[in-house]
Structure formats: C-alpha cells, structure tokens
Protein backbone atom coordinates (compact mmCIF):
# COMPACT_ATOMS: atom_id res chain seq x y z
CA MET A 1 0.29 0.16 0.09
CA THR A 2 1.55 3.63 -0.96
CA PRO A 3 1.45 6.42 1.65
CA LYS A 4 -1.35 8.07 -0.97
CA GLN A 5 -3.73 5.12 -0.08
CA ARG A 6 -3.07 5.08 3.55
CA ARG A 7 -3.86 8.61 3.99
CA GLY A 8 -6.77 7.92 1.71
CA ASN A 9 -7.66 5.62 4.57
CA SER A 10 -7.02 7.20 7.41
CA THR A 11 -8.56 10.31 5.73
CA LYS A 12 -12.12 8.10 5.44
CA GLN A 13 -11.87 6.64 8.89
CA ILE A 14 -11.62 9.74 10.32
CA LEU A 15 -14.60 10.77 8.48
CA GLU A 16 -16.97 7.75 9.51
CA CYS A 17 -15.50 8.60 13.18
CA LEU A 18 -16.76 12.13 12.96
CA VAL A 19 -19.97 11.54 11.28
CA CYS A 20 -20.72 8.65 14.31
CA ILE A 21 -19.93 11.45 16.79
CA ILE A 22 -22.05 13.76 15.53
CA LEU A 23 -25.17 11.40 15.44
CA VAL A 24 -24.74 10.13 18.17
CA THR A 25 -24.33 13.25 20.27
CA THR A 26 -27.22 14.79 18.50
CA ILE A 27 -29.82 12.53 18.67
CA PRO A 28 -32.93 13.72 21.22
CA SER A 29 -33.62 12.60 24.22
CA THR A 30 -37.02 11.34 24.44
CA ALA A 31 -36.47 10.36 28.50
CA ASP A 32 -38.60 13.18 30.21
CA ALA A 33 -41.62 12.36 27.74
CA MET A 34 -41.53 9.15 27.91
CA SER A 35 -41.11 9.15 31.53
CA ALA A 36 -44.44 10.90 32.04
CA PHE A 37 -45.84 8.22 29.93
CA ILE A 38 -44.44 5.28 31.82
CA HIS A 39 -45.65 7.03 35.15
CA HIS A 40 -48.96 7.45 33.70
CA SER A 41 -49.47 3.96 32.17
CA GLU A 42 -51.54 1.63 33.27
CA GLY A 43 -49.16 -1.08 33.18
CA LYS A 44 -45.83 -2.05 34.99
CA MET A 45 -42.30 -1.69 33.60
CA THR A 46 -39.61 -4.30 33.22
CA THR A 47 -36.05 -3.31 32.44
CA ILE A 48 -34.12 -5.89 30.79
CA THR A 49 -30.50 -5.46 30.19
CA ARG A 50 -27.75 -7.45 28.48
CA GLU A 51 -27.04 -9.99 31.35
CA ASP A 52 -30.68 -10.94 30.40
CA SER A 53 -30.19 -12.29 26.88
CA GLY A 54 -31.50 -15.80 26.46
CA LYS A 55 -34.07 -15.56 29.07
CA GLU A 56 -37.85 -15.75 29.11
CA PHE A 57 -40.18 -12.79 30.69
CA ARG A 58 -43.89 -12.81 31.45
CA VAL A 59 -45.68 -9.57 31.10
CA SER A 60 -49.39 -8.15 30.59
CA VAL A 61 -50.71 -6.32 27.80
CA GLY A 62 -50.08 -2.95 28.62
CA ASP A 63 -46.79 -3.40 30.36
CA ILE A 64 -43.94 -1.71 29.22
CA ILE A 65 -40.25 -3.56 28.67
CA GLU A 66 -37.32 -1.41 28.82
CA VAL A 67 -34.01 -2.44 26.74
CA GLU A 68 -30.61 -1.13 27.84
CA LEU A 69 -27.85 -2.66 26.06
CA SER A 70 -24.40 -0.35 25.95
CA GLY A 71 -22.37 -0.15 22.86
CA LEU A 72 -19.36 1.48 21.24
CA GLY A 73 -21.82 3.94 19.22
CA SER A 74 -18.46 6.27 19.13
CA ALA A 75 -17.14 3.73 16.74
CA GLY A 76 -19.85 3.64 14.66
CA TYR A 77 -21.19 0.40 15.90
CA GLY A 78 -25.26 0.18 17.06
CA TRP A 79 -28.11 -1.85 18.01
CA TYR A 80 -30.86 -2.62 15.93
CA PRO A 81 -33.94 -4.64 16.36
CA GLU A 82 -34.71 -7.27 14.24
CA GLN A 83 -37.87 -8.94 13.23
CA LEU A 84 -39.82 -7.37 15.60
CA ASP A 85 -43.64 -8.87 15.78
CA ARG A 86 -45.55 -5.10 15.79
CA THR A 87 -48.88 -6.64 16.54
CA LEU A 88 -47.55 -8.04 19.91
CA LEU A 89 -44.88 -5.10 20.71
CA GLU A 90 -44.71 -1.51 20.08
CA LEU A 91 -41.89 0.24 19.82
CA LEU A 92 -42.35 3.53 21.87
CA SER A 93 -39.19 4.68 21.85
CA GLU A 94 -35.23 4.53 21.03
CA GLU A 95 -33.19 6.42 23.22
CA THR A 96 -29.17 7.09 23.02
CA GLN A 97 -27.49 8.21 26.48
CA LYS A 98 -23.73 8.52 26.62
CA ALA A 99 -22.08 6.21 29.04
CA THR A 100 -19.86 6.95 32.26
CA GLY A 101 -16.74 8.41 31.43
CA GLU A 102 -17.87 11.31 29.21
CA GLY A 103 -15.62 13.18 26.81
CA ARG A 104 -13.26 9.78 25.94
CA ILE A 105 -12.95 8.96 22.33
CA GLY A 106 -14.57 5.67 21.91
CA ALA A 107 -16.53 5.33 25.31
CA PRO A 108 -19.44 3.23 25.52
CA VAL A 109 -22.91 4.48 24.86
CA LYS A 110 -26.11 2.88 26.72
CA GLY A 111 -29.19 2.38 24.02
CA LEU A 112 -32.44 2.30 25.80
CA TRP A 113 -35.70 0.78 23.86
CA ARG A 114 -39.07 0.92 25.42
CA PHE A 115 -41.37 -1.70 23.88
CA LYS A 116 -44.89 -1.70 24.74
CA ALA A 117 -46.94 -5.00 25.05
CA VAL A 118 -50.20 -4.55 23.18
CA ARG A 119 -51.64 -8.04 22.35
CA GLU A 120 -51.39 -11.79 24.40
CA GLY A 121 -49.32 -13.97 22.34
CA GLN A 122 -45.46 -14.69 22.41
CA ALA A 123 -43.35 -12.26 21.26
CA GLU A 124 -39.30 -12.32 20.87
CA ILE A 125 -36.74 -9.11 21.22
CA ARG A 126 -33.64 -9.58 18.88
CA MET A 127 -31.20 -7.10 18.44
CA LEU A 128 -27.62 -7.04 16.59
CA HIS A 129 -24.72 -4.89 17.37
CA TYR A 130 -23.66 -4.05 14.23
CA ARG A 131 -22.41 -0.81 11.90
CA ILE A 132 -24.82 0.26 9.64
CA TRP A 133 -22.76 0.87 6.57
CA GLU A 134 -21.37 -2.67 7.17
CA GLY A 135 -24.77 -4.43 7.60
CA LYS A 136 -25.88 -7.16 9.97
CA GLU A 137 -24.12 -10.10 8.52
CA LYS A 138 -20.81 -8.32 10.26
CA ALA A 139 -22.82 -8.27 13.41
CA THR A 140 -20.11 -8.19 16.03
CA ASP A 141 -23.10 -9.30 19.24
CA HIS A 142 -26.57 -10.34 19.56
CA PHE A 143 -29.08 -9.93 22.29
CA TYR A 144 -32.29 -12.19 22.65
CA ILE A 145 -35.28 -12.57 24.67
CA LYS A 146 -38.51 -14.07 24.70
CA VAL A 147 -42.05 -12.50 25.91
CA GLN A 148 -44.79 -14.56 26.96
CA ILE A 149 -47.71 -11.67 27.05
CA THR A 150 -50.61 -12.55 29.07
CA GLN A 151 -54.13 -10.60 29.55
CA LYS A 152 -54.03 -8.03 32.77
CA GLU A 153 -55.24 -9.58 35.68
CA GLU A 154 -58.07 -7.56 37.45
C-alpha cells in the first residue's frame, strides 16, 4: 500500500468516526416525555439488560419492556432490533445516552428501547450490534429474549 493510499484510508476512517460522533451526540433525548408516559401508564415497567439475553419474561398487555444495551456508538456501532412482531409489541421509543466516562473517544454509549405489550401472545426481541454501513452480516454481538404476553389480571 502506498503512502497516498494509507492517507486516503485514514481520512475515510476519520470522517466515518466524525459522522458517528455527530449522530450519537445530536440524537434528542426522549427520557422526559417517556418518563411522564410511563408514570401515567396502567402497566408496569420491566427493565432488561445484556445479562438477561436468552431469558424468557412474562408481562401483561399494557406493560412496558425497557431494554438497556451498551455499545460502541462512538465507533459507529449500534444495536438494531430485528424482525419485531409489531402486532404484539409496539416500539415506543429509542434513545441513546452517553455512558460514564464522557469525553473519552471510543467510550461506550447506552441505548434504551421501550416496547409496549399490546396483545396476548409469544414474542421475541432480537437485536444485533453492528455498523449500519457494514450491514448485519458483520454483527459483533447479539441480544435475544422471549416475551410471554398475557391478559392483565384484574
């Protein structure tokens, strides 16, 4: 590889990183709006983290499922839901927050997804961690849970 080719590759990588940083830091937070919604919701909220991958959860219609996953957002990686059954689960919001250690280049970011159980049935939440421009075929990680949705008990 010639010095000119190496310089071109470095420039491309720097531009990709800058675009990702801009995207991560400019996504508006919906935490306040969702917080008001959740507190007035009749259902309960279940928070699920990376350590819960592979588990099965039981919720009632109207309940909120919050999925928290850390990723390398500043390096261009993100978590993306796959094949969500929207007849059973409604994606209410998606939010990206800076993780601890703000200001560090390459520091992880925390993604929050809130789903509402809208109908009885068995659903899955599957998410893949990859760079959007590389495609899901190059996913570096995956997350998966089963959700059993039942009618709200009176």
